Amino acid sequence: MAKNFESEITQFLKEYKTEHPDTEARQREGRGRLWDKHIDPEVQEGFRAVRVPQKPYVYQTN
């Protein structure tokens, strides 16, 4: 197997990133908007305090 082989996907991504150099910055911005959030420990503790324990079998009626 050739050591210099690159799949079509890898070639496409490299070409896309050279044509659109702001791609990685936009990806980081999107990630920051969706995932990188500050979690307040007091609010988290409140959520844990009011959590209702789940039954072993969720679909059991009694």
PDB file of N, CA and C in Angstrom:
ATOM      1  N   MET A   1       0.844  -1.178   0.000  1.00  0.00           N
ATOM      2  CA  MET A   1       0.000   0.000   0.000  1.00  0.00           C
ATOM      3  C   MET A   1       0.888   1.239   0.000  1.00  0.00           C
ATOM      4  N   ALA A   2       0.514   2.207  -0.781  1.00  0.00           N
ATOM      5  CA  ALA A   2       1.311   3.427  -0.892  1.00  0.00           C
ATOM      6  C   ALA A   2       1.219   4.257   0.380  1.00  0.00           C
ATOM      7  N   LYS A   3       2.354   4.800   0.799  1.00  0.00           N
ATOM      8  CA  LYS A   3       2.377   5.593   2.027  1.00  0.00           C
ATOM      9  C   LYS A   3       1.832   7.001   1.814  1.00  0.00           C
ATOM     10  N   ASN A   4       1.808   7.468   0.597  1.00  0.00           N
ATOM     11  CA  ASN A   4       1.366   8.826   0.307  1.00  0.00           C
ATOM     12  C   ASN A   4      -0.095   8.894  -0.141  1.00  0.00           C
ATOM     13  N   PHE A   5      -0.837   7.853   0.063  1.00  0.00           N
ATOM     14  CA  PHE A   5      -2.228   7.833  -0.362  1.00  0.00           C
ATOM     15  C   PHE A   5      -3.074   8.774   0.489  1.00  0.00           C
ATOM     16  N   GLU A   6      -3.921   9.554  -0.162  1.00  0.00           N
ATOM     17  CA  GLU A   6      -4.906  10.393   0.516  1.00  0.00           C
ATOM     18  C   GLU A   6      -6.262  10.117  -0.117  1.00  0.00           C
ATOM     19  N   SER A   7      -7.247   9.932   0.739  1.00  0.00           N
ATOM     20  CA  SER A   7      -8.581   9.668   0.216  1.00  0.00           C
ATOM     21  C   SER A   7      -9.139  10.937  -0.440  1.00  0.00           C
ATOM     22  N   GLU A   8     -10.201  10.743  -1.197  1.00  0.00           N
ATOM     23  CA  GLU A   8     -10.843  11.883  -1.853  1.00  0.00           C
ATOM     24  C   GLU A   8     -11.386  12.861  -0.823  1.00  0.00           C
ATOM     25  N   ILE A   9     -11.865  12.345   0.289  1.00  0.00           N
ATOM     26  CA  ILE A   9     -12.396  13.204   1.349  1.00  0.00           C
ATOM     27  C   ILE A   9     -11.285  14.092   1.915  1.00  0.00           C
ATOM     28  N   THR A  10     -10.128  13.487   2.206  1.00  0.00           N
ATOM     29  CA  THR A  10      -9.001  14.242   2.748  1.00  0.00           C
ATOM     30  C   THR A  10      -8.547  15.302   1.756  1.00  0.00           C
ATOM     31  N   GLN A  11      -8.475  14.944   0.501  1.00  0.00           N
ATOM     32  CA  GLN A  11      -8.093  15.908  -0.539  1.00  0.00           C
ATOM     33  C   GLN A  11      -9.099  17.047  -0.604  1.00  0.00           C
ATOM     34  N   PHE A  12     -10.388  16.713  -0.552  1.00  0.00           N
ATOM     35  CA  PHE A  12     -11.424  17.735  -0.596  1.00  0.00           C
ATOM     36  C   PHE A  12     -11.304  18.689   0.587  1.00  0.00           C
ATOM     37  N   LEU A  13     -11.115  18.120   1.800  1.00  0.00           N
ATOM     38  CA  LEU A  13     -11.023  18.965   2.993  1.00  0.00           C
ATOM     39  C   LEU A  13      -9.806  19.887   2.937  1.00  0.00           C
ATOM     40  N   LYS A  14      -8.669  19.373   2.496  1.00  0.00           N
ATOM     41  CA  LYS A  14      -7.475  20.206   2.380  1.00  0.00           C
ATOM     42  C   LYS A  14      -7.696  21.334   1.376  1.00  0.00           C
ATOM     43  N   GLU A  15      -8.294  20.991   0.245  1.00  0.00           N
ATOM     44  CA  GLU A  15      -8.566  21.994  -0.781  1.00  0.00           C
ATOM     45  C   GLU A  15      -9.567  23.030  -0.273  1.00  0.00           C
ATOM     46  N   TYR A  16     -10.596  22.567   0.416  1.00  0.00           N
ATOM     47  CA  TYR A  16     -11.609  23.475   0.952  1.00  0.00           C
ATOM     48  C   TYR A  16     -10.994  24.447   1.954  1.00  0.00           C
ATOM     49  N   LYS A  17     -10.124  23.925   2.832  1.00  0.00           N
ATOM     50  CA  LYS A  17      -9.508  24.781   3.847  1.00  0.00           C
ATOM     51  C   LYS A  17      -8.539  25.793   3.241  1.00  0.00           C
ATOM     52  N   THR A  18      -7.902  25.442   2.143  1.00  0.00           N
ATOM     53  CA  THR A  18      -7.033  26.425   1.488  1.00  0.00           C
ATOM     54  C   THR A  18      -7.855  27.503   0.792  1.00  0.00           C
ATOM     55  N   GLU A  19      -9.023  27.121   0.259  1.00  0.00           N
ATOM     56  CA  GLU A  19      -9.887  28.106  -0.396  1.00  0.00           C
ATOM     57  C   GLU A  19     -10.686  28.940   0.606  1.00  0.00           C
ATOM     58  N   HIS A  20     -10.935  28.398   1.773  1.00  0.00           N
ATOM     59  CA  HIS A  20     -11.703  29.083   2.818  1.00  0.00           C
ATOM     60  C   HIS A  20     -10.889  29.077   4.118  1.00  0.00           C
ATOM     61  N   PRO A  21      -9.923  29.979   4.255  1.00  0.00           N
ATOM     62  CA  PRO A  21      -9.036  29.944   5.424  1.00  0.00           C
ATOM     63  C   PRO A  21      -9.724  30.264   6.751  1.00  0.00           C
ATOM     64  N   ASP A  22     -10.923  30.823   6.709  1.00  0.00           N
ATOM     65  CA  ASP A  22     -11.630  31.166   7.951  1.00  0.00           C
ATOM     66  C   ASP A  22     -12.474  30.013   8.487  1.00  0.00           C
ATOM     67  N   THR A  23     -12.382  28.851   7.883  1.00  0.00           N
ATOM     68  CA  THR A  23     -13.206  27.707   8.264  1.00  0.00           C
ATOM     69  C   THR A  23     -12.995  27.305   9.715  1.00  0.00           C
ATOM     70  N   GLU A  24     -11.746  27.157  10.133  1.00  0.00           N
ATOM     71  CA  GLU A  24     -11.480  26.712  11.497  1.00  0.00           C
ATOM     72  C   GLU A  24     -11.940  27.741  12.526  1.00  0.00           C
ATOM     73  N   ALA A  25     -11.793  29.009  12.230  1.00  0.00           N
ATOM     74  CA  ALA A  25     -12.258  30.054  13.153  1.00  0.00           C
ATOM     75  C   ALA A  25     -13.781  30.003  13.288  1.00  0.00           C
ATOM     76  N   ARG A  26     -14.472  29.793  12.165  1.00  0.00           N
ATOM     77  CA  ARG A  26     -15.933  29.681  12.231  1.00  0.00           C
ATOM     78  C   ARG A  26     -16.361  28.438  12.990  1.00  0.00           C
ATOM     79  N   GLN A  27     -15.609  27.338  12.854  1.00  0.00           N
ATOM     80  CA  GLN A  27     -15.918  26.122  13.601  1.00  0.00           C
ATOM     81  C   GLN A  27     -15.758  26.365  15.103  1.00  0.00           C
ATOM     82  N   ARG A  28     -14.669  27.044  15.497  1.00  0.00           N
ATOM     83  CA  ARG A  28     -14.461  27.345  16.919  1.00  0.00           C
ATOM     84  C   ARG A  28     -15.563  28.251  17.459  1.00  0.00           C
ATOM     85  N   GLU A  29     -15.970  29.226  16.651  1.00  0.00           N
ATOM     86  CA  GLU A  29     -17.049  30.129  17.066  1.00  0.00           C
ATOM     87  C   GLU A  29     -18.353  29.359  17.264  1.00  0.00           C
ATOM     88  N   GLY A  30     -18.675  28.478  16.362  1.00  0.00           N
ATOM     89  CA  GLY A  30     -19.884  27.672  16.486  1.00  0.00           C
ATOM     90  C   GLY A  30     -19.830  26.750  17.688  1.00  0.00           C
ATOM     91  N   ARG A  31     -18.679  26.168  17.921  1.00  0.00           N
ATOM     92  CA  ARG A  31     -18.533  25.299  19.091  1.00  0.00           C
ATOM     93  C   ARG A  31     -18.704  26.111  20.367  1.00  0.00           C
ATOM     94  N   GLY A  32     -18.126  27.281  20.408  1.00  0.00           N
ATOM     95  CA  GLY A  32     -18.250  28.128  21.582  1.00  0.00           C
ATOM     96  C   GLY A  32     -19.682  28.522  21.851  1.00  0.00           C
ATOM     97  N   ARG A  33     -20.435  28.746  20.800  1.00  0.00           N
ATOM     98  CA  ARG A  33     -21.836  29.130  20.950  1.00  0.00           C
ATOM     99  C   ARG A  33     -22.680  27.990  21.497  1.00  0.00           C
ATOM    100  N   LEU A  34     -22.346  26.760  21.105  1.00  0.00           N
ATOM    101  CA  LEU A  34     -23.181  25.623  21.485  1.00  0.00           C
ATOM    102  C   LEU A  34     -22.685  24.857  22.696  1.00  0.00           C
ATOM    103  N   TRP A  35     -21.372  24.701  22.856  1.00  0.00           N
ATOM    104  CA  TRP A  35     -20.859  23.755  23.841  1.00  0.00           C
ATOM    105  C   TRP A  35     -20.063  24.368  24.978  1.00  0.00           C
ATOM    106  N   ASP A  36     -19.282  25.373  24.706  1.00  0.00           N
ATOM    107  CA  ASP A  36     -18.400  25.927  25.735  1.00  0.00           C
ATOM    108  C   ASP A  36     -19.161  26.920  26.595  1.00  0.00           C
ATOM    109  N   LYS A  37     -19.868  26.420  27.572  1.00  0.00           N
ATOM    110  CA  LYS A  37     -20.681  27.241  28.461  1.00  0.00           C
ATOM    111  C   LYS A  37     -20.160  27.155  29.888  1.00  0.00           C
ATOM    112  N   HIS A  38     -20.290  28.256  30.604  1.00  0.00           N
ATOM    113  CA  HIS A  38     -19.931  28.266  32.018  1.00  0.00           C
ATOM    114  C   HIS A  38     -21.065  27.605  32.806  1.00  0.00           C
ATOM    115  N   ILE A  39     -20.719  26.668  33.662  1.00  0.00           N
ATOM    116  CA  ILE A  39     -21.714  25.970  34.475  1.00  0.00           C
ATOM    117  C   ILE A  39     -21.631  26.509  35.893  1.00  0.00           C
ATOM    118  N   ASP A  40     -22.744  27.029  36.379  1.00  0.00           N
ATOM    119  CA  ASP A  40     -22.810  27.575  37.725  1.00  0.00           C
ATOM    120  C   ASP A  40     -23.010  26.421  38.713  1.00  0.00           C
ATOM    121  N   PRO A  41     -22.086  26.200  39.636  1.00  0.00           N
ATOM    122  CA  PRO A  41     -22.202  25.065  40.567  1.00  0.00           C
ATOM    123  C   PRO A  41     -23.449  25.146  41.445  1.00  0.00           C
ATOM    124  N   GLU A  42     -23.886  26.342  41.823  1.00  0.00           N
ATOM    125  CA  GLU A  42     -25.077  26.472  42.660  1.00  0.00           C
ATOM    126  C   GLU A  42     -26.326  26.030  41.911  1.00  0.00           C
ATOM    127  N   VAL A  43     -26.427  26.393  40.662  1.00  0.00           N
ATOM    128  CA  VAL A  43     -27.579  25.987  39.855  1.00  0.00           C
ATOM    129  C   VAL A  43     -27.562  24.473  39.657  1.00  0.00           C
ATOM    130  N   GLN A  44     -26.385  23.908  39.384  1.00  0.00           N
ATOM    131  CA  GLN A  44     -26.272  22.461  39.214  1.00  0.00           C
ATOM    132  C   GLN A  44     -26.697  21.730  40.486  1.00  0.00           C
ATOM    133  N   GLU A  45     -26.292  22.240  41.648  1.00  0.00           N
ATOM    134  CA  GLU A  45     -26.666  21.612  42.914  1.00  0.00           C
ATOM    135  C   GLU A  45     -28.177  21.672  43.112  1.00  0.00           C
ATOM    136  N   GLY A  46     -28.808  22.776  42.709  1.00  0.00           N
ATOM    137  CA  GLY A  46     -30.264  22.882  42.781  1.00  0.00           C
ATOM    138  C   GLY A  46     -30.953  21.845  41.908  1.00  0.00           C
ATOM    139  N   PHE A  47     -30.422  21.633  40.717  1.00  0.00           N
ATOM    140  CA  PHE A  47     -30.982  20.612  39.830  1.00  0.00           C
ATOM    141  C   PHE A  47     -30.864  19.225  40.449  1.00  0.00           C
ATOM    142  N   ARG A  48     -29.731  18.946  41.064  1.00  0.00           N
ATOM    143  CA  ARG A  48     -29.537  17.631  41.688  1.00  0.00           C
ATOM    144  C   ARG A  48     -30.468  17.437  42.886  1.00  0.00           C
ATOM    145  N   ALA A  49     -30.728  18.521  43.612  1.00  0.00           N
ATOM    146  CA  ALA A  49     -31.554  18.429  44.818  1.00  0.00           C
ATOM    147  C   ALA A  49     -33.008  18.096  44.493  1.00  0.00           C
ATOM    148  N   VAL A  50     -33.525  18.579  43.385  1.00  0.00           N
ATOM    149  CA  VAL A  50     -34.941  18.372  43.063  1.00  0.00           C
ATOM    150  C   VAL A  50     -35.158  17.201  42.109  1.00  0.00           C
ATOM    151  N   ARG A  51     -34.108  16.473  41.794  1.00  0.00           N
ATOM    152  CA  ARG A  51     -34.230  15.331  40.887  1.00  0.00           C
ATOM    153  C   ARG A  51     -35.092  14.237  41.515  1.00  0.00           C
ATOM    154  N   VAL A  52     -36.012  13.702  40.733  1.00  0.00           N
ATOM    155  CA  VAL A  52     -36.888  12.620  41.182  1.00  0.00           C
ATOM    156  C   VAL A  52     -36.204  11.299  40.855  1.00  0.00           C
ATOM    157  N   PRO A  53     -36.056  10.417  41.844  1.00  0.00           N
ATOM    158  CA  PRO A  53     -35.390   9.143  41.557  1.00  0.00           C
ATOM    159  C   PRO A  53     -36.195   8.306  40.562  1.00  0.00           C
ATOM    160  N   GLN A  54     -35.478   7.700  39.646  1.00  0.00           N
ATOM    161  CA  GLN A  54     -36.117   6.883  38.632  1.00  0.00           C
ATOM    162  C   GLN A  54     -36.275   5.457  39.141  1.00  0.00           C
ATOM    163  N   LYS A  55     -37.428   4.858  38.813  1.00  0.00           N
ATOM    164  CA  LYS A  55     -37.686   3.468  39.186  1.00  0.00           C
ATOM    165  C   LYS A  55     -36.829   2.542  38.335  1.00  0.00           C
ATOM    166  N   PRO A  56     -36.540   1.344  38.830  1.00  0.00           N
ATOM    167  CA  PRO A  56     -35.711   0.414  38.057  1.00  0.00           C
ATOM    168  C   PRO A  56     -36.312   0.084  36.686  1.00  0.00           C
ATOM    169  N   TYR A  57     -37.620  -0.059  36.638  1.00  0.00           N
ATOM    170  CA  TYR A  57     -38.274  -0.328  35.365  1.00  0.00           C
ATOM    171  C   TYR A  57     -39.199   0.840  35.087  1.00  0.00           C
ATOM    172  N   VAL A  58     -38.827   1.670  34.152  1.00  0.00           N
ATOM    173  CA  VAL A  58     -39.515   2.940  33.900  1.00  0.00           C
ATOM    174  C   VAL A  58     -40.961   2.757  33.474  1.00  0.00           C
ATOM    175  N   TYR A  59     -41.267   1.717  32.740  1.00  0.00           N
ATOM    176  CA  TYR A  59     -42.584   1.547  32.169  1.00  0.00           C
ATOM    177  C   TYR A  59     -43.572   0.831  33.099  1.00  0.00           C
ATOM    178  N   GLN A  60     -43.145   0.508  34.295  1.00  0.00           N
ATOM    179  CA  GLN A  60     -44.039  -0.141  35.239  1.00  0.00           C
ATOM    180  C   GLN A  60     -45.052   0.885  35.742  1.00  0.00           C
ATOM    181  N   THR A  61     -46.335   0.528  35.799  1.00  0.00           N
ATOM    182  CA  THR A  61     -47.384   1.496  36.117  1.00  0.00           C
ATOM    183  C   THR A  61     -47.532   1.768  37.611  1.00  0.00           C
ATOM    184  N   ASN A  62     -47.140   0.870  38.480  1.00  0.00           N
ATOM    185  CA  ASN A  62     -47.303   1.128  39.909  1.00  0.00           C
ATOM    186  C   ASN A  62     -46.008   1.334  40.615  1.00  0.00           C
TER     187      ASN A  62
END
